[in-house]
Amino acid sequence: MRFGSSPGRVLDDLSLTVAEGQFVAVVGASGVGKSTLLNVVSGLVPASSGEVTVFGRPPRAGRADVGYMFARDALLPWRTALRNVELGPELRGSPAPARHMLELVAQGPAADQYPSQLSSGMRQRVALARTLAAGPDLLLMDEPFAALDALTRSSVRDLLLDIWGNEEHRRTVVFVTHDLAEALLLADRVVTLAGGGIRSDVGVPYGRPRDQRTLMARADYRALYDRLQADLKPLRNSAVR
């Protein structure tokens, strides 16, 4: 399978299967093709060769069963928090559990506020609520917490895990990040990208909930981290620069 046509955005000979309900983190340096992978799965960018299926069907932009959350909240500034959350269901002509979703992400009191009146952490929580309100079975997340400060990032990550972990039918999550520690904290499985393809694909052998400070004190965690970190180093003559 090959994704992308420009020299800086190529993933070559890549094979990846994600089980329903699994939380998979894809880790790699900037420019390695992480976002390209999500764009192909979402149907925004076609694969140059090979086969891609999402729940047994080819990718297509705008599918109701696929949600895409970006690094920036991308809220519409002329709509309140509540109206932003209603956007996806509104476009699909379906009822919107918008207020419930805002309450789920602890932003109920912000329902009538505009994005300019919200902090970056509040806006990203609203963006998460907007993505979830559309009811996707697959949630694609492209470094959604990268722009947040460390304290807010930790809070919103915990919120995501709380929602995902408590769902009766867990959504499938493909979470892109450049932060290996974040991947090991969140995911069931970590996939590293380098040199235009997958370097490693490992199950995370820790239960939930996970505490980052406790994990860092474990020798097996440090060994796993170091091994995956080594896999992130670019290869010579890499197709991705």
C-alpha atoms as a PDB file:
ATOM      1  CA  MET A   1       0.000   0.000   0.000  1.00  0.00           C
ATOM      2  CA  ARG A   2       1.307   3.432  -0.894  1.00  0.00           C
ATOM      3  CA  PHE A   3      -0.024   6.777   0.352  1.00  0.00           C
ATOM      4  CA  GLY A   4       0.863  10.161  -1.088  1.00  0.00           C
ATOM      5  CA  SER A   5       2.601  11.398  -4.191  1.00  0.00           C
ATOM      6  CA  SER A   6       4.988  14.135  -3.043  1.00  0.00           C
ATOM      7  CA  PRO A   7       8.470  13.184  -1.740  1.00  0.00           C
ATOM      8  CA  GLY A   8       7.756  14.649   1.689  1.00  0.00           C
ATOM      9  CA  ARG A   9       4.498  12.800   2.308  1.00  0.00           C
ATOM     10  CA  VAL A  10       4.988   9.193   1.239  1.00  0.00           C
ATOM     11  CA  LEU A  11       4.141   6.033   3.140  1.00  0.00           C
ATOM     12  CA  ASP A  12       5.266   2.991   1.190  1.00  0.00           C
ATOM     13  CA  ASP A  13       4.445  -0.703   1.605  1.00  0.00           C
ATOM     14  CA  LEU A  14       2.386  -0.069   4.723  1.00  0.00           C
ATOM     15  CA  SER A  15       0.056  -2.707   6.152  1.00  0.00           C
ATOM     16  CA  LEU A  16      -2.036  -1.902   9.222  1.00  0.00           C
ATOM     17  CA  THR A  17      -5.177  -3.498  10.646  1.00  0.00           C
ATOM     18  CA  VAL A  18      -7.026  -1.952  13.593  1.00  0.00           C
ATOM     19  CA  ALA A  19      -9.579  -4.005  15.499  1.00  0.00           C
ATOM     20  CA  GLU A  20     -12.951  -2.469  16.365  1.00  0.00           C
ATOM     21  CA  GLY A  21     -12.929  -0.824  19.779  1.00  0.00           C
ATOM     22  CA  GLN A  22      -9.141  -0.609  19.930  1.00  0.00           C
ATOM     23  CA  PHE A  23      -7.201   2.545  20.846  1.00  0.00           C
ATOM     24  CA  VAL A  24      -4.146   2.708  18.576  1.00  0.00           C
ATOM     25  CA  ALA A  25      -1.510   5.429  18.791  1.00  0.00           C
ATOM     26  CA  VAL A  26       0.595   6.186  15.718  1.00  0.00           C
ATOM     27  CA  VAL A  27       3.883   7.862  16.634  1.00  0.00           C
ATOM     28  CA  GLY A  28       6.455   9.510  14.415  1.00  0.00           C
ATOM     29  CA  ALA A  29       8.503  12.635  13.847  1.00  0.00           C
ATOM     30  CA  SER A  30       7.128  15.640  11.979  1.00  0.00           C
ATOM     31  CA  GLY A  31       6.843  15.017   8.244  1.00  0.00           C
ATOM     32  CA  VAL A  32       6.907  11.228   8.512  1.00  0.00           C
ATOM     33  CA  GLY A  33       3.378  10.859   7.116  1.00  0.00           C
ATOM     34  CA  LYS A  34       1.185  10.479  10.208  1.00  0.00           C
ATOM     35  CA  SER A  35      -1.393  13.003   9.036  1.00  0.00           C
ATOM     36  CA  THR A  36      -1.274  11.526   5.540  1.00  0.00           C
ATOM     37  CA  LEU A  37      -2.280   8.181   7.017  1.00  0.00           C
ATOM     38  CA  LEU A  38      -5.318   9.722   8.730  1.00  0.00           C
ATOM     39  CA  ASN A  39      -6.236  11.666   5.598  1.00  0.00           C
ATOM     40  CA  VAL A  40      -6.262   8.446   3.575  1.00  0.00           C
ATOM     41  CA  VAL A  41      -8.343   6.579   6.154  1.00  0.00           C
ATOM     42  CA  SER A  42     -10.815   9.488   6.304  1.00  0.00           C
ATOM     43  CA  GLY A  43     -11.159   9.566   2.520  1.00  0.00           C
ATOM     44  CA  LEU A  44      -9.690  13.069   2.158  1.00  0.00           C
ATOM     45  CA  VAL A  45      -6.665  11.770   0.223  1.00  0.00           C
ATOM     46  CA  PRO A  46      -6.667   8.695  -2.056  1.00  0.00           C
ATOM     47  CA  ALA A  47      -4.078   5.946  -1.727  1.00  0.00           C
ATOM     48  CA  SER A  48      -1.775   5.808  -4.741  1.00  0.00           C
ATOM     49  CA  SER A  49      -1.872   2.018  -4.674  1.00  0.00           C
ATOM     50  CA  GLY A  50      -3.046  -0.858  -2.532  1.00  0.00           C
ATOM     51  CA  GLU A  51      -6.332  -1.304  -0.698  1.00  0.00           C
ATOM     52  CA  VAL A  52      -7.822   0.647   2.198  1.00  0.00           C
ATOM     53  CA  THR A  53     -11.081  -0.294   3.913  1.00  0.00           C
ATOM     54  CA  VAL A  54     -12.918   1.198   6.879  1.00  0.00           C
ATOM     55  CA  PHE A  55     -15.452  -1.197   8.418  1.00  0.00           C
ATOM     56  CA  GLY A  56     -15.294  -3.222   5.221  1.00  0.00           C
ATOM     57  CA  ARG A  57     -15.889  -0.315   2.816  1.00  0.00           C
ATOM     58  CA  PRO A  58     -13.552   2.019   0.922  1.00  0.00           C
ATOM     59  CA  PRO A  59     -12.851   5.352   2.632  1.00  0.00           C
ATOM     60  CA  ARG A  60     -15.069   8.275   1.684  1.00  0.00           C
ATOM     61  CA  ALA A  61     -14.985  11.844   2.934  1.00  0.00           C
ATOM     62  CA  GLY A  62     -17.999  12.818   5.011  1.00  0.00           C
ATOM     63  CA  ARG A  63     -18.913   9.342   6.262  1.00  0.00           C
ATOM     64  CA  ALA A  64     -21.144   9.481   9.323  1.00  0.00           C
ATOM     65  CA  ASP A  65     -19.262   6.636  11.022  1.00  0.00           C
ATOM     66  CA  VAL A  66     -15.883   8.414  10.898  1.00  0.00           C
ATOM     67  CA  GLY A  67     -14.993  11.454  13.013  1.00  0.00           C
ATOM     68  CA  TYR A  68     -11.835  13.532  12.568  1.00  0.00           C
ATOM     69  CA  MET A  69     -10.399  15.746  15.311  1.00  0.00           C
ATOM     70  CA  PHE A  70      -7.527  18.075  14.450  1.00  0.00           C
ATOM     71  CA  ALA A  71      -4.699  19.648  16.446  1.00  0.00           C
ATOM     72  CA  ARG A  72      -6.518  22.998  16.328  1.00  0.00           C
ATOM     73  CA  ASP A  73     -10.105  23.168  17.488  1.00  0.00           C
ATOM     74  CA  ALA A  74     -11.381  24.733  14.213  1.00  0.00           C
ATOM     75  CA  LEU A  75     -14.549  25.963  15.941  1.00  0.00           C
ATOM     76  CA  LEU A  76     -16.743  28.291  13.910  1.00  0.00           C
ATOM     77  CA  PRO A  77     -16.338  31.707  15.580  1.00  0.00           C
ATOM     78  CA  TRP A  78     -19.885  32.867  14.761  1.00  0.00           C
ATOM     79  CA  ARG A  79     -21.506  29.897  16.521  1.00  0.00           C
ATOM     80  CA  THR A  80     -21.738  29.359  20.272  1.00  0.00           C
ATOM     81  CA  ALA A  81     -20.189  26.298  21.884  1.00  0.00           C
ATOM     82  CA  LEU A  82     -23.563  24.565  21.788  1.00  0.00           C
ATOM     83  CA  ARG A  83     -24.168  25.455  18.144  1.00  0.00           C
ATOM     84  CA  ASN A  84     -20.671  24.235  17.229  1.00  0.00           C
ATOM     85  CA  VAL A  85     -21.386  20.862  18.816  1.00  0.00           C
ATOM     86  CA  GLU A  86     -24.673  20.688  16.899  1.00  0.00           C
ATOM     87  CA  LEU A  87     -22.929  21.202  13.563  1.00  0.00           C
ATOM     88  CA  GLY A  88     -22.187  17.583  12.559  1.00  0.00           C
ATOM     89  CA  PRO A  89     -25.609  16.160  13.387  1.00  0.00           C
ATOM     90  CA  GLU A  90     -27.218  19.228  11.836  1.00  0.00           C
ATOM     91  CA  LEU A  91     -25.438  18.643   8.517  1.00  0.00           C
ATOM     92  CA  ARG A  92     -26.567  15.018   8.572  1.00  0.00           C
ATOM     93  CA  GLY A  93     -30.129  15.891   9.496  1.00  0.00           C
ATOM     94  CA  SER A  94     -30.059  13.847  12.695  1.00  0.00           C
ATOM     95  CA  PRO A  95     -30.921  14.768  16.305  1.00  0.00           C
ATOM     96  CA  ALA A  96     -28.001  16.315  18.167  1.00  0.00           C
ATOM     97  CA  PRO A  97     -27.184  15.289  21.761  1.00  0.00           C
ATOM     98  CA  ALA A  98     -25.181  18.493  21.890  1.00  0.00           C
ATOM     99  CA  ARG A  99     -25.965  19.686  25.395  1.00  0.00           C
ATOM    100  CA  HIS A 100     -25.340  16.226  26.815  1.00  0.00           C
ATOM    101  CA  MET A 101     -21.975  16.117  25.029  1.00  0.00           C
ATOM    102  CA  LEU A 102     -20.995  19.507  26.398  1.00  0.00           C
ATOM    103  CA  GLU A 103     -21.837  18.296  29.888  1.00  0.00           C
ATOM    104  CA  LEU A 104     -19.855  15.130  29.243  1.00  0.00           C
ATOM    105  CA  VAL A 105     -16.732  17.198  28.551  1.00  0.00           C
ATOM    106  CA  ALA A 106     -17.476  19.511  31.517  1.00  0.00           C
ATOM    107  CA  GLN A 107     -18.417  22.472  29.328  1.00  0.00           C
ATOM    108  CA  GLY A 108     -22.154  22.723  30.004  1.00  0.00           C
ATOM    109  CA  PRO A 109     -21.873  26.254  31.464  1.00  0.00           C
ATOM    110  CA  ALA A 110     -20.089  27.401  28.285  1.00  0.00           C
ATOM    111  CA  ALA A 111     -23.005  26.441  26.002  1.00  0.00           C
ATOM    112  CA  ASP A 112     -23.915  30.023  25.097  1.00  0.00           C
ATOM    113  CA  GLN A 113     -20.368  31.344  24.874  1.00  0.00           C
ATOM    114  CA  TYR A 114     -18.497  31.956  21.634  1.00  0.00           C
ATOM    115  CA  PRO A 115     -15.043  30.484  20.903  1.00  0.00           C
ATOM    116  CA  SER A 116     -13.380  33.859  21.488  1.00  0.00           C
ATOM    117  CA  GLN A 117     -14.660  33.754  25.064  1.00  0.00           C
ATOM    118  CA  LEU A 118     -13.148  30.331  25.788  1.00  0.00           C
ATOM    119  CA  SER A 119      -9.637  29.269  26.750  1.00  0.00           C
ATOM    120  CA  SER A 120      -7.694  26.955  24.442  1.00  0.00           C
ATOM    121  CA  GLY A 121      -8.427  24.001  26.717  1.00  0.00           C
ATOM    122  CA  MET A 122     -12.141  24.806  26.779  1.00  0.00           C
ATOM    123  CA  ARG A 123     -12.224  25.133  22.990  1.00  0.00           C
ATOM    124  CA  GLN A 124     -10.547  21.761  22.557  1.00  0.00           C
ATOM    125  CA  ARG A 125     -13.064  20.180  24.904  1.00  0.00           C
ATOM    126  CA  VAL A 126     -15.853  21.670  22.804  1.00  0.00           C
ATOM    127  CA  ALA A 127     -14.145  20.327  19.675  1.00  0.00           C
ATOM    128  CA  LEU A 128     -14.073  16.869  21.264  1.00  0.00           C
ATOM    129  CA  ALA A 129     -17.769  17.160  22.112  1.00  0.00           C
ATOM    130  CA  ARG A 130     -18.514  18.229  18.529  1.00  0.00           C
ATOM    131  CA  THR A 131     -16.674  15.213  17.147  1.00  0.00           C
ATOM    132  CA  LEU A 132     -18.401  12.781  19.501  1.00  0.00           C
ATOM    133  CA  ALA A 133     -21.856  14.300  18.964  1.00  0.00           C
ATOM    134  CA  ALA A 134     -21.859  13.095  15.368  1.00  0.00           C
ATOM    135  CA  GLY A 135     -21.730   9.513  16.698  1.00  0.00           C
ATOM    136  CA  PRO A 136     -18.709   8.162  14.809  1.00  0.00           C
ATOM    137  CA  ASP A 137     -17.642   4.544  15.274  1.00  0.00           C
ATOM    138  CA  LEU A 138     -14.083   5.451  14.246  1.00  0.00           C
ATOM    139  CA  LEU A 139     -12.394   8.470  15.804  1.00  0.00           C
ATOM    140  CA  LEU A 140      -9.326   9.835  13.988  1.00  0.00           C
ATOM    141  CA  MET A 141      -7.285  12.228  16.148  1.00  0.00           C
ATOM    142  CA  ASP A 142      -4.400  14.224  14.683  1.00  0.00           C
ATOM    143  CA  GLU A 143      -2.269  15.469  17.611  1.00  0.00           C
ATOM    144  CA  PRO A 144      -5.403  16.922  19.224  1.00  0.00           C
ATOM    145  CA  PHE A 145      -3.692  18.057  22.427  1.00  0.00           C
ATOM    146  CA  ALA A 146      -0.357  19.281  21.023  1.00  0.00           C
ATOM    147  CA  ALA A 147      -1.272  22.978  21.275  1.00  0.00           C
ATOM    148  CA  LEU A 148      -2.299  22.781  24.942  1.00  0.00           C
ATOM    149  CA  ASP A 149      -0.142  23.501  27.971  1.00  0.00           C
ATOM    150  CA  ALA A 150       1.013  20.481  29.972  1.00  0.00           C
ATOM    151  CA  LEU A 151      -1.593  20.763  32.741  1.00  0.00           C
ATOM    152  CA  THR A 152      -4.520  21.261  30.349  1.00  0.00           C
ATOM    153  CA  ARG A 153      -3.244  18.525  28.053  1.00  0.00           C
ATOM    154  CA  SER A 154      -3.196  16.064  30.942  1.00  0.00           C
ATOM    155  CA  SER A 155      -6.732  17.042  31.951  1.00  0.00           C
ATOM    156  CA  VAL A 156      -8.183  16.666  28.445  1.00  0.00           C
ATOM    157  CA  ARG A 157      -6.372  13.360  27.890  1.00  0.00           C
ATOM    158  CA  ASP A 158      -7.910  12.009  31.095  1.00  0.00           C
ATOM    159  CA  LEU A 159     -11.293  13.213  29.906  1.00  0.00           C
ATOM    160  CA  LEU A 160     -10.933  11.402  26.578  1.00  0.00           C
ATOM    161  CA  LEU A 161      -9.986   8.167  28.328  1.00  0.00           C
ATOM    162  CA  ASP A 162     -12.882   8.491  30.766  1.00  0.00           C
ATOM    163  CA  ILE A 163     -15.369   8.882  27.917  1.00  0.00           C
ATOM    164  CA  TRP A 164     -13.836   6.128  25.782  1.00  0.00           C
ATOM    165  CA  GLY A 165     -13.400   3.718  28.685  1.00  0.00           C
ATOM    166  CA  ASN A 166     -16.966   4.113  29.922  1.00  0.00           C
ATOM    167  CA  GLU A 167     -18.735   3.679  26.584  1.00  0.00           C
ATOM    168  CA  GLU A 168     -20.802   0.506  26.314  1.00  0.00           C
ATOM    169  CA  HIS A 169     -19.551   0.014  22.771  1.00  0.00           C
ATOM    170  CA  ARG A 170     -16.122   1.556  22.597  1.00  0.00           C
ATOM    171  CA  ARG A 171     -15.254   3.587  19.538  1.00  0.00           C
ATOM    172  CA  THR A 172     -12.199   2.647  17.551  1.00  0.00           C
ATOM    173  CA  VAL A 173      -9.531   5.341  17.981  1.00  0.00           C
ATOM    174  CA  VAL A 174      -6.507   6.059  15.796  1.00  0.00           C
ATOM    175  CA  PHE A 175      -4.541   8.704  17.658  1.00  0.00           C
ATOM    176  CA  VAL A 176      -1.584  10.413  15.965  1.00  0.00           C
ATOM    177  CA  THR A 177       1.113  11.963  18.124  1.00  0.00           C
ATOM    178  CA  HIS A 178       4.836  12.765  18.105  1.00  0.00           C
ATOM    179  CA  ASP A 179       4.926  12.192  21.878  1.00  0.00           C
ATOM    180  CA  LEU A 180       5.857   8.583  22.695  1.00  0.00           C
ATOM    181  CA  ALA A 181       5.084   8.984  26.405  1.00  0.00           C
ATOM    182  CA  GLU A 182       1.572  10.183  25.507  1.00  0.00           C
ATOM    183  CA  ALA A 183       1.091   7.165  23.245  1.00  0.00           C
ATOM    184  CA  LEU A 184       2.112   4.710  25.956  1.00  0.00           C
ATOM    185  CA  LEU A 185      -0.136   6.445  28.455  1.00  0.00           C
ATOM    186  CA  LEU A 186      -3.250   6.365  26.251  1.00  0.00           C
ATOM    187  CA  ALA A 187      -3.169   3.475  23.822  1.00  0.00           C
ATOM    188  CA  ASP A 188      -3.770  -0.266  23.719  1.00  0.00           C
ATOM    189  CA  ARG A 189      -1.228  -0.474  20.939  1.00  0.00           C
ATOM    190  CA  VAL A 190       1.586   1.758  19.644  1.00  0.00           C
ATOM    191  CA  VAL A 191       2.683   1.884  16.002  1.00  0.00           C
ATOM    192  CA  THR A 192       5.869   3.779  15.136  1.00  0.00           C
ATOM    193  CA  LEU A 193       6.476   5.275  11.686  1.00  0.00           C
ATOM    194  CA  ALA A 194       9.869   6.059  10.172  1.00  0.00           C
ATOM    195  CA  GLY A 195      11.422   5.788   6.762  1.00  0.00           C
ATOM    196  CA  GLY A 196       8.077   5.716   4.989  1.00  0.00           C
ATOM    197  CA  GLY A 197       6.651   2.726   6.807  1.00  0.00           C
ATOM    198  CA  ILE A 198       5.964   0.945  10.080  1.00  0.00           C
ATOM    199  CA  ARG A 199       9.027   0.298  12.234  1.00  0.00           C
ATOM    200  CA  SER A 200       7.279  -1.325  15.183  1.00  0.00           C
ATOM    201  CA  ASP A 201       3.786  -2.356  16.249  1.00  0.00           C
ATOM    202  CA  VAL A 202       3.460  -3.352  19.910  1.00  0.00           C
ATOM    203  CA  GLY A 203       0.702  -3.947  22.419  1.00  0.00           C
ATOM    204  CA  VAL A 204       0.984  -1.789  25.543  1.00  0.00           C
ATOM    205  CA  PRO A 205       1.315  -4.259  28.436  1.00  0.00           C
ATOM    206  CA  TYR A 206      -0.141  -2.058  31.179  1.00  0.00           C
ATOM    207  CA  GLY A 207      -3.628  -2.011  32.626  1.00  0.00           C
ATOM    208  CA  ARG A 208      -5.876   0.986  33.094  1.00  0.00           C
ATOM    209  CA  PRO A 209      -5.971   3.532  34.581  1.00  0.00           C
ATOM    210  CA  ARG A 210      -2.330   4.456  34.038  1.00  0.00           C
ATOM    211  CA  ASP A 211      -0.315   7.005  35.963  1.00  0.00           C
ATOM    212  CA  GLN A 212       2.606   8.439  34.024  1.00  0.00           C
ATOM    213  CA  ARG A 213       4.865   8.941  37.043  1.00  0.00           C
ATOM    214  CA  THR A 214       4.257   5.363  38.194  1.00  0.00           C
ATOM    215  CA  LEU A 215       4.971   4.021  34.706  1.00  0.00           C
ATOM    216  CA  MET A 216       8.202   5.990  34.418  1.00  0.00           C
ATOM    217  CA  ALA A 217       9.484   4.336  37.602  1.00  0.00           C
ATOM    218  CA  ARG A 218       9.136   0.871  36.071  1.00  0.00           C
ATOM    219  CA  ALA A 219      12.179  -0.713  34.449  1.00  0.00           C
ATOM    220  CA  ASP A 220      10.066  -2.531  31.844  1.00  0.00           C
ATOM    221  CA  TYR A 221       8.427   0.759  30.830  1.00  0.00           C
ATOM    222  CA  ARG A 222      11.795   2.456  30.395  1.00  0.00           C
ATOM    223  CA  ALA A 223      13.043  -0.462  28.316  1.00  0.00           C
ATOM    224  CA  LEU A 224       9.950  -0.372  26.080  1.00  0.00           C
ATOM    225  CA  TYR A 225      10.169   3.402  25.740  1.00  0.00           C
ATOM    226  CA  ASP A 226      13.850   3.234  24.747  1.00  0.00           C
ATOM    227  CA  ARG A 227      13.187   0.501  22.185  1.00  0.00           C
ATOM    228  CA  LEU A 228      10.352   2.425  20.548  1.00  0.00           C
ATOM    229  CA  GLN A 229      12.308   5.671  20.704  1.00  0.00           C
ATOM    230  CA  ALA A 230      15.120   3.997  18.754  1.00  0.00           C
ATOM    231  CA  ASP A 231      12.583   2.903  16.130  1.00  0.00           C
ATOM    232  CA  LEU A 232      11.578   6.531  15.572  1.00  0.00           C
ATOM    233  CA  LYS A 233      15.002   7.515  14.272  1.00  0.00           C
ATOM    234  CA  PRO A 234      15.007   8.174  10.514  1.00  0.00           C
ATOM    235  CA  LEU A 235      16.548   5.603   8.239  1.00  0.00           C
ATOM    236  CA  ARG A 236      19.208   6.414   5.687  1.00  0.00           C
ATOM    237  CA  ASN A 237      17.887   6.991   2.169  1.00  0.00           C
ATOM    238  CA  SER A 238      14.388   7.411   3.628  1.00  0.00           C
ATOM    239  CA  ALA A 239      11.546   8.223   1.247  1.00  0.00           C
ATOM    240  CA  VAL A 240      10.219  10.653   3.814  1.00  0.00           C
ATOM    241  CA  ARG A 241      12.304  13.768   4.496  1.00  0.00           C
END
